[in-house]
C-alpha atoms as a PDB file:
ATOM      1  CA  MET A   1       3.624  10.284 -26.438  1.00  0.00           C
ATOM      2  CA  PRO A   2       1.890   7.849 -28.857  1.00  0.00           C
ATOM      3  CA  ARG A   3       1.608   4.258 -27.690  1.00  0.00           C
ATOM      4  CA  GLY A   4       3.903   2.885 -30.357  1.00  0.00           C
ATOM      5  CA  ALA A   5       6.546   5.507 -29.635  1.00  0.00           C
ATOM      6  CA  LEU A   6       6.459   4.719 -25.924  1.00  0.00           C
ATOM      7  CA  ASP A   7       6.803   1.005 -26.597  1.00  0.00           C
ATOM      8  CA  HIS A   8       9.747   1.687 -28.905  1.00  0.00           C
ATOM      9  CA  SER A   9      11.418   3.911 -26.309  1.00  0.00           C
ATOM     10  CA  LEU A  10      11.067   1.245 -23.640  1.00  0.00           C
ATOM     11  CA  SER A  11      12.350  -1.476 -25.925  1.00  0.00           C
ATOM     12  CA  SER A  12      15.355   0.650 -26.880  1.00  0.00           C
ATOM     13  CA  CYS A  13      16.529   1.216 -23.309  1.00  0.00           C
ATOM     14  CA  ASN A  14      19.688  -0.552 -22.241  1.00  0.00           C
ATOM     15  CA  ASN A  15      18.557  -0.274 -18.651  1.00  0.00           C
ATOM     16  CA  LEU A  16      15.507   1.176 -16.927  1.00  0.00           C
ATOM     17  CA  ASN A  17      15.524   2.237 -13.291  1.00  0.00           C
ATOM     18  CA  SER A  18      12.647   4.697 -12.994  1.00  0.00           C
ATOM     19  CA  LEU A  19       9.297   4.913 -14.783  1.00  0.00           C
ATOM     20  CA  CYS A  20       6.319   7.247 -14.298  1.00  0.00           C
ATOM     21  CA  LEU A  21       3.153   6.599 -16.326  1.00  0.00           C
ATOM     22  CA  GLN A  22       0.498   9.301 -16.333  1.00  0.00           C
ATOM     23  CA  SER A  23      -1.688   8.440 -19.307  1.00  0.00           C
ATOM     24  CA  PRO A  24      -4.501   5.942 -18.576  1.00  0.00           C
ATOM     25  CA  GLY A  25      -4.356   4.721 -22.156  1.00  0.00           C
ATOM     26  CA  THR A  26      -0.797   3.411 -22.169  1.00  0.00           C
ATOM     27  CA  VAL A  27      -1.025   0.379 -19.928  1.00  0.00           C
ATOM     28  CA  ASP A  28      -2.244  -2.256 -22.411  1.00  0.00           C
ATOM     29  CA  VAL A  29       0.600  -1.642 -24.805  1.00  0.00           C
ATOM     30  CA  THR A  30       3.491  -0.790 -22.499  1.00  0.00           C
ATOM     31  CA  TYR A  31       3.098  -3.398 -19.748  1.00  0.00           C
ATOM     32  CA  ASP A  32       4.790  -6.181 -21.699  1.00  0.00           C
ATOM     33  CA  ALA A  33       7.501  -3.754 -22.783  1.00  0.00           C
ATOM     34  CA  PHE A  34       8.536  -2.640 -19.323  1.00  0.00           C
ATOM     35  CA  ARG A  35       8.316  -6.169 -17.908  1.00  0.00           C
ATOM     36  CA  LEU A  36      11.716  -6.595 -19.555  1.00  0.00           C
ATOM     37  CA  TYR A  37      13.140  -4.273 -16.892  1.00  0.00           C
ATOM     38  CA  PHE A  38      11.543  -5.775 -13.785  1.00  0.00           C
ATOM     39  CA  HIS A  39      14.983  -6.900 -12.596  1.00  0.00           C
ATOM     40  CA  SER A  40      16.426  -3.354 -12.637  1.00  0.00           C
ATOM     41  CA  LEU A  41      13.397  -1.155 -11.869  1.00  0.00           C
ATOM     42  CA  THR A  42      13.847   0.810  -8.633  1.00  0.00           C
ATOM     43  CA  SER A  43      11.052   3.400  -8.919  1.00  0.00           C
ATOM     44  CA  LEU A  44       7.599   3.016 -10.479  1.00  0.00           C
ATOM     45  CA  ASP A  45       4.757   5.542 -10.363  1.00  0.00           C
ATOM     46  CA  THR A  46       1.447   4.552 -11.974  1.00  0.00           C
ATOM     47  CA  LYS A  47      -0.740   6.527  -9.538  1.00  0.00           C
ATOM     48  CA  SER A  48      -2.300   8.532 -12.381  1.00  0.00           C
ATOM     49  CA  CYS A  49      -2.696   5.484 -14.582  1.00  0.00           C
ATOM     50  CA  GLY A  50      -5.930   3.944 -13.315  1.00  0.00           C
ATOM     51  CA  ALA A  51      -5.848   1.353 -16.081  1.00  0.00           C
ATOM     52  CA  PHE A  52      -3.174  -0.493 -14.116  1.00  0.00           C
ATOM     53  CA  SER A  53      -5.269  -3.227 -12.532  1.00  0.00           C
ATOM     54  CA  SER A  54      -4.806  -4.611  -9.051  1.00  0.00           C
ATOM     55  CA  ARG A  55      -3.462  -7.844 -10.518  1.00  0.00           C
ATOM     56  CA  VAL A  56      -0.804  -5.927 -12.437  1.00  0.00           C
ATOM     57  CA  VAL A  57       0.294  -4.211  -9.219  1.00  0.00           C
ATOM     58  CA  GLN A  58       0.484  -7.590  -7.475  1.00  0.00           C
ATOM     59  CA  ASP A  59       2.555  -8.920 -10.390  1.00  0.00           C
ATOM     60  CA  ILE A  60       4.941  -5.996  -9.949  1.00  0.00           C
ATOM     61  CA  MET A  61       5.232  -6.689  -6.214  1.00  0.00           C
ATOM     62  CA  THR A  62       6.182 -10.293  -6.912  1.00  0.00           C
ATOM     63  CA  SER A  63       8.536  -9.580  -9.826  1.00  0.00           C
ATOM     64  CA  CYS A  64      10.637  -6.471  -9.065  1.00  0.00           C
ATOM     65  CA  PRO A  65      13.334  -7.318  -6.495  1.00  0.00           C
ATOM     66  CA  SER A  66      15.142  -3.959  -6.783  1.00  0.00           C
ATOM     67  CA  LEU A  67      12.068  -1.754  -6.306  1.00  0.00           C
ATOM     68  CA  LYS A  68      12.449   1.001  -3.700  1.00  0.00           C
ATOM     69  CA  THR A  69       9.486   3.235  -4.587  1.00  0.00           C
ATOM     70  CA  LEU A  70       6.041   2.114  -5.733  1.00  0.00           C
ATOM     71  CA  ARG A  71       3.075   4.409  -6.253  1.00  0.00           C
ATOM     72  CA  ALA A  72      -0.037   2.835  -7.742  1.00  0.00           C
ATOM     73  CA  TYR A  73      -3.781   3.378  -7.767  1.00  0.00           C
ATOM     74  CA  MET A  74      -5.140   0.321  -6.002  1.00  0.00           C
ATOM     75  CA  LEU A  75      -4.369  -3.192  -4.773  1.00  0.00           C
ATOM     76  CA  MET A  76      -7.167  -5.581  -3.814  1.00  0.00           C
ATOM     77  CA  ALA A  77      -6.603  -7.916  -0.879  1.00  0.00           C
ATOM     78  CA  MET A  78      -8.006 -10.837  -2.865  1.00  0.00           C
ATOM     79  CA  ASP A  79      -5.296 -10.402  -5.506  1.00  0.00           C
ATOM     80  CA  VAL A  80      -2.552 -10.345  -2.869  1.00  0.00           C
ATOM     81  CA  LEU A  81      -3.829 -13.460  -1.116  1.00  0.00           C
ATOM     82  CA  GLY A  82      -4.764 -15.398  -4.239  1.00  0.00           C
ATOM     83  CA  GLU A  83      -7.751 -17.612  -4.940  1.00  0.00           C
ATOM     84  CA  GLU A  84      -6.271 -20.649  -3.192  1.00  0.00           C
ATOM     85  CA  GLU A  85      -5.581 -18.899   0.097  1.00  0.00           C
ATOM     86  CA  ILE A  86      -9.021 -17.273   0.070  1.00  0.00           C
ATOM     87  CA  ALA A  87     -10.617 -20.667  -0.554  1.00  0.00           C
ATOM     88  CA  ASP A  88      -8.683 -22.045   2.421  1.00  0.00           C
ATOM     89  CA  LEU A  89      -9.942 -19.210   4.630  1.00  0.00           C
ATOM     90  CA  ARG A  90     -13.526 -19.845   3.617  1.00  0.00           C
ATOM     91  CA  SER A  91     -13.287 -23.593   4.122  1.00  0.00           C
ATOM     92  CA  GLY A  92     -11.389 -23.357   7.388  1.00  0.00           C
ATOM     93  CA  SER A  93      -8.935 -25.955   6.083  1.00  0.00           C
ATOM     94  CA  PRO A  94      -5.533 -24.323   5.504  1.00  0.00           C
ATOM     95  CA  SER A  95      -3.234 -25.919   2.956  1.00  0.00           C
ATOM     96  CA  ASP A  96       0.280 -25.318   1.665  1.00  0.00           C
ATOM     97  CA  ARG A  97      -0.965 -23.549  -1.466  1.00  0.00           C
ATOM     98  CA  ARG A  98       0.170 -19.940  -1.493  1.00  0.00           C
ATOM     99  CA  PRO A  99       0.563 -17.199  -4.108  1.00  0.00           C
ATOM    100  CA  ARG A 100       4.008 -15.895  -4.905  1.00  0.00           C
ATOM    101  CA  ASP A 101       5.580 -13.820  -2.144  1.00  0.00           C
ATOM    102  CA  TRP A 102       6.434 -10.166  -2.582  1.00  0.00           C
ATOM    103  CA  VAL A 103      10.080  -9.904  -3.618  1.00  0.00           C
ATOM    104  CA  CYS A 104      10.501  -6.119  -3.349  1.00  0.00           C
ATOM    105  CA  LEU A 105      11.757  -6.365   0.235  1.00  0.00           C
ATOM    106  CA  GLY A 106      13.854  -3.207  -0.167  1.00  0.00           C
ATOM    107  CA  LEU A 107      10.810  -0.944  -0.639  1.00  0.00           C
ATOM    108  CA  GLU A 108      11.171   2.404   1.110  1.00  0.00           C
ATOM    109  CA  THR A 109       8.024   4.107  -0.225  1.00  0.00           C
ATOM    110  CA  PHE A 110       4.751   2.227  -0.739  1.00  0.00           C
ATOM    111  CA  SER A 111       1.784   4.348  -1.800  1.00  0.00           C
ATOM    112  CA  VAL A 112      -1.134   2.139  -2.825  1.00  0.00           C
ATOM    113  CA  CYS A 113      -4.737   1.992  -1.631  1.00  0.00           C
ATOM    114  CA  ILE A 114      -5.241  -1.581  -0.357  1.00  0.00           C
ATOM    115  CA  THR A 115      -8.927  -2.470  -0.397  1.00  0.00           C
ATOM    116  CA  GLU A 116     -11.664  -5.092  -0.767  1.00  0.00           C
ATOM    117  CA  PHE A 117     -11.301  -6.787   2.621  1.00  0.00           C
ATOM    118  CA  MET A 118     -14.217  -9.210   2.444  1.00  0.00           C
ATOM    119  CA  ASN A 119     -13.241 -11.212   5.532  1.00  0.00           C
ATOM    120  CA  ASP A 120     -11.716 -10.160   8.871  1.00  0.00           C
ATOM    121  CA  SER A 121      -8.984 -12.771   8.396  1.00  0.00           C
ATOM    122  CA  TYR A 122      -7.718 -10.788   5.394  1.00  0.00           C
ATOM    123  CA  TYR A 123      -6.464  -7.984   7.643  1.00  0.00           C
ATOM    124  CA  ARG A 124      -3.969 -10.136   9.531  1.00  0.00           C
ATOM    125  CA  LEU A 125      -2.668 -11.752   6.355  1.00  0.00           C
ATOM    126  CA  ILE A 126      -2.099  -8.412   4.620  1.00  0.00           C
ATOM    127  CA  PHE A 127      -0.412  -6.971   7.715  1.00  0.00           C
ATOM    128  CA  GLN A 128       1.883 -10.012   7.745  1.00  0.00           C
ATOM    129  CA  ARG A 129       2.924  -9.300   4.159  1.00  0.00           C
ATOM    130  CA  LEU A 130       3.506  -5.601   4.822  1.00  0.00           C
ATOM    131  CA  ALA A 131       5.564  -6.534   7.892  1.00  0.00           C
ATOM    132  CA  LYS A 132       8.183  -8.084   5.610  1.00  0.00           C
ATOM    133  CA  LEU A 133       8.870  -4.675   4.024  1.00  0.00           C
ATOM    134  CA  THR A 134      11.173  -3.733   6.886  1.00  0.00           C
ATOM    135  CA  ARG A 135      12.863  -0.847   5.051  1.00  0.00           C
ATOM    136  CA  LEU A 136       9.630   1.118   4.610  1.00  0.00           C
ATOM    137  CA  GLU A 137       9.827   4.796   5.521  1.00  0.00           C
ATOM    138  CA  VAL A 138       6.566   5.847   3.858  1.00  0.00           C
ATOM    139  CA  LEU A 139       3.458   3.659   4.034  1.00  0.00           C
ATOM    140  CA  ASP A 140       0.511   5.373   2.352  1.00  0.00           C
ATOM    141  CA  VAL A 141      -2.574   3.184   1.968  1.00  0.00           C
ATOM    142  CA  GLY A 142      -5.037   6.086   1.821  1.00  0.00           C
ATOM    143  CA  THR A 143      -7.376   6.734  -1.061  1.00  0.00           C
ATOM    144  CA  GLY A 144      -5.475   9.877  -2.012  1.00  0.00           C
ATOM    145  CA  ASP A 145      -7.647  10.950  -4.930  1.00  0.00           C
ATOM    146  CA  LYS A 146     -11.436  10.938  -4.842  1.00  0.00           C
ATOM    147  CA  GLY A 147     -11.621   8.305  -7.549  1.00  0.00           C
ATOM    148  CA  CYS A 148     -10.841   5.655  -4.973  1.00  0.00           C
ATOM    149  CA  MET A 149     -13.198   6.974  -2.290  1.00  0.00           C
ATOM    150  CA  LYS A 150     -15.705   4.174  -2.864  1.00  0.00           C
ATOM    151  CA  TYR A 151     -13.212   1.851  -1.186  1.00  0.00           C
ATOM    152  CA  ASP A 152     -12.975   3.796   2.078  1.00  0.00           C
ATOM    153  CA  VAL A 153     -15.153   1.316   4.009  1.00  0.00           C
ATOM    154  CA  SER A 154     -13.470  -1.912   2.866  1.00  0.00           C
ATOM    155  CA  CYS A 155      -9.990  -0.571   3.584  1.00  0.00           C
ATOM    156  CA  LEU A 156      -7.154  -1.820   5.762  1.00  0.00           C
ATOM    157  CA  LYS A 157      -8.046  -1.260   9.436  1.00  0.00           C
ATOM    158  CA  PHE A 158      -5.108  -0.112  11.541  1.00  0.00           C
ATOM    159  CA  ARG A 159      -6.095  -1.708  14.826  1.00  0.00           C
ATOM    160  CA  ILE A 160      -4.240  -4.039  17.165  1.00  0.00           C
ATOM    161  CA  ASP A 161      -7.169  -6.466  17.225  1.00  0.00           C
ATOM    162  CA  HIS A 162      -7.018  -6.654  13.416  1.00  0.00           C
ATOM    163  CA  GLY A 163      -3.354  -7.694  13.370  1.00  0.00           C
ATOM    164  CA  MET A 164      -1.567  -4.340  13.169  1.00  0.00           C
ATOM    165  CA  GLY A 165       0.948  -5.644  15.727  1.00  0.00           C
ATOM    166  CA  ALA A 166       2.756  -7.472  12.922  1.00  0.00           C
ATOM    167  CA  LEU A 167       4.005  -4.077  11.729  1.00  0.00           C
ATOM    168  CA  VAL A 168       6.311  -3.760  14.732  1.00  0.00           C
ATOM    169  CA  SER A 169       9.031  -4.721  12.242  1.00  0.00           C
ATOM    170  CA  LEU A 170       8.678  -1.382  10.408  1.00  0.00           C
ATOM    171  CA  ARG A 171      11.195   0.371  12.646  1.00  0.00           C
ATOM    172  CA  ARG A 172      12.162   2.911   9.956  1.00  0.00           C
ATOM    173  CA  LEU A 173       8.624   4.175   9.318  1.00  0.00           C
ATOM    174  CA  ARG A 174       8.382   7.975   9.251  1.00  0.00           C
ATOM    175  CA  TRP A 175       5.024   8.602   7.588  1.00  0.00           C
ATOM    176  CA  LEU A 176       1.718   6.722   7.645  1.00  0.00           C
ATOM    177  CA  GLY A 177      -0.961   7.824   5.179  1.00  0.00           C
ATOM    178  CA  LEU A 178      -4.614   7.021   5.909  1.00  0.00           C
ATOM    179  CA  THR A 179      -6.313   9.910   4.115  1.00  0.00           C
ATOM    180  CA  GLY A 180      -9.867   9.132   3.046  1.00  0.00           C
ATOM    181  CA  LEU A 181     -10.154   5.892   5.020  1.00  0.00           C
ATOM    182  CA  ARG A 182     -12.749   5.190   7.693  1.00  0.00           C
ATOM    183  CA  GLN A 183     -10.617   4.064  10.593  1.00  0.00           C
ATOM    184  CA  GLN A 184     -11.877   3.380  14.116  1.00  0.00           C
ATOM    185  CA  MET A 185      -8.718   3.610  16.179  1.00  0.00           C
ATOM    186  CA  ASP A 186      -8.728   3.996  19.922  1.00  0.00           C
ATOM    187  CA  VAL A 187      -6.049   5.350  22.216  1.00  0.00           C
ATOM    188  CA  ALA A 188      -4.318   1.950  22.540  1.00  0.00           C
ATOM    189  CA  ASP A 189      -3.834   1.749  18.763  1.00  0.00           C
ATOM    190  CA  ILE A 190      -2.285   5.218  18.558  1.00  0.00           C
ATOM    191  CA  GLN A 191      -0.076   4.595  21.584  1.00  0.00           C
ATOM    192  CA  TRP A 192       1.122   1.356  20.015  1.00  0.00           C
ATOM    193  CA  MET A 193       2.168   3.261  16.873  1.00  0.00           C
ATOM    194  CA  LEU A 194       4.125   5.802  18.878  1.00  0.00           C
ATOM    195  CA  ARG A 195       5.930   3.078  20.828  1.00  0.00           C
ATOM    196  CA  SER A 196       6.619   0.748  17.914  1.00  0.00           C
ATOM    197  CA  TRP A 197       7.732   3.252  15.268  1.00  0.00           C
ATOM    198  CA  PRO A 198      10.419   5.416  16.905  1.00  0.00           C
ATOM    199  CA  HIS A 199      10.998   7.551  13.787  1.00  0.00           C
ATOM    200  CA  LEU A 200       7.315   8.298  13.107  1.00  0.00           C
ATOM    201  CA  GLU A 201       6.826  11.954  12.183  1.00  0.00           C
ATOM    202  CA  ARG A 202       3.351  12.107  10.692  1.00  0.00           C
ATOM    203  CA  VAL A 203       0.073  10.198  10.499  1.00  0.00           C
ATOM    204  CA  SER A 204      -2.115  11.803   7.835  1.00  0.00           C
ATOM    205  CA  GLY A 205      -5.864  11.422   7.625  1.00  0.00           C
ATOM    206  CA  VAL A 206      -6.488  10.854  11.324  1.00  0.00           C
ATOM    207  CA  SER A 207      -8.116  14.101  12.430  1.00  0.00           C
ATOM    208  CA  ASN A 208     -11.000  14.135   9.952  1.00  0.00           C
ATOM    209  CA  THR A 209     -11.612  10.484   9.113  1.00  0.00           C
ATOM    210  CA  ASN A 210     -11.040   8.379  12.218  1.00  0.00           C
ATOM    211  CA  ARG A 211     -13.527  10.082  14.552  1.00  0.00           C
ATOM    212  CA  LEU A 212     -11.607   8.972  17.626  1.00  0.00           C
ATOM    213  CA  GLN A 213     -13.808   8.643  20.670  1.00  0.00           C
ATOM    214  CA  VAL A 214     -11.078   9.460  23.186  1.00  0.00           C
ATOM    215  CA  ASP A 215     -11.207  12.918  24.742  1.00  0.00           C
ATOM    216  CA  GLY A 216      -7.985  14.827  24.307  1.00  0.00           C
ATOM    217  CA  LEU A 217      -6.258  12.306  22.025  1.00  0.00           C
ATOM    218  CA  GLU A 218      -6.626  14.330  18.841  1.00  0.00           C
ATOM    219  CA  ALA A 219      -5.459  17.513  20.555  1.00  0.00           C
ATOM    220  CA  GLU A 220      -2.441  15.709  21.997  1.00  0.00           C
ATOM    221  CA  LEU A 221      -1.469  14.287  18.606  1.00  0.00           C
ATOM    222  CA  GLN A 222      -1.775  17.702  16.987  1.00  0.00           C
ATOM    223  CA  LYS A 223       0.354  19.224  19.722  1.00  0.00           C
ATOM    224  CA  ARG A 224       3.077  16.662  19.088  1.00  0.00           C
ATOM    225  CA  GLY A 225       2.865  17.266  15.326  1.00  0.00           C
ATOM    226  CA  PHE A 226       1.783  13.769  14.315  1.00  0.00           C
ATOM    227  CA  ILE A 227      -1.451  14.913  12.681  1.00  0.00           C
ATOM    228  CA  LYS A 228      -2.651  18.107  11.078  1.00  0.00           C
ATOM    229  CA  ARG A 229      -6.037  19.329  10.008  1.00  0.00           C
ATOM    230  CA  ASP A 230      -6.687  19.470   6.277  1.00  0.00           C
ATOM    231  CA  THR A 231      -6.830  23.275   6.492  1.00  0.00           C
ATOM    232  CA  ASP A 232      -3.340  23.534   8.012  1.00  0.00           C
END
């Protein structure tokens, strides 16, 4: 659909609940148009629209209170935390300055690669924000497509000593996606997940990317059905 036609269609809607953008060339023109529906939007998929910047995704997270499903390409930790909070971390002098909080607290599916963790303190702060999304059933922070693979090192580390314990609030979680990420979990981290998330059915991306150094752990997880090899 031509850009102008898409803008016209969006502007003509009485109400907009669900939107899926697949063309990388539409974002510049349509973003302002669909901002009109931030209050009613419940499902947004821009995964195939790489032109949606990290800052746009953060704007969506802080502006769409009714959102239940969000699929996007990438979200940088520095955009979530904001320049002021990062400056406080670097100076060691915390202040009351904070970016806007996420308002989409009813999210059930969150599929976004969170990356660019330049400081170990970032991990805990991002986990604290994710912990507020207590209705999450699907949390997929993996790279998904190969276009995001360059971020696999500076990704969110799912370890207790990095602040993962904050996610104990995600009691509804059924699926955790880590595909393409270089994790370094140990047995305590996996056991914590199994204890804390009673409805967990699947952890993707563990068998080939985490390189767990615990004999028998991978086999046990496969036996219980939590992970599968890519060839399965």
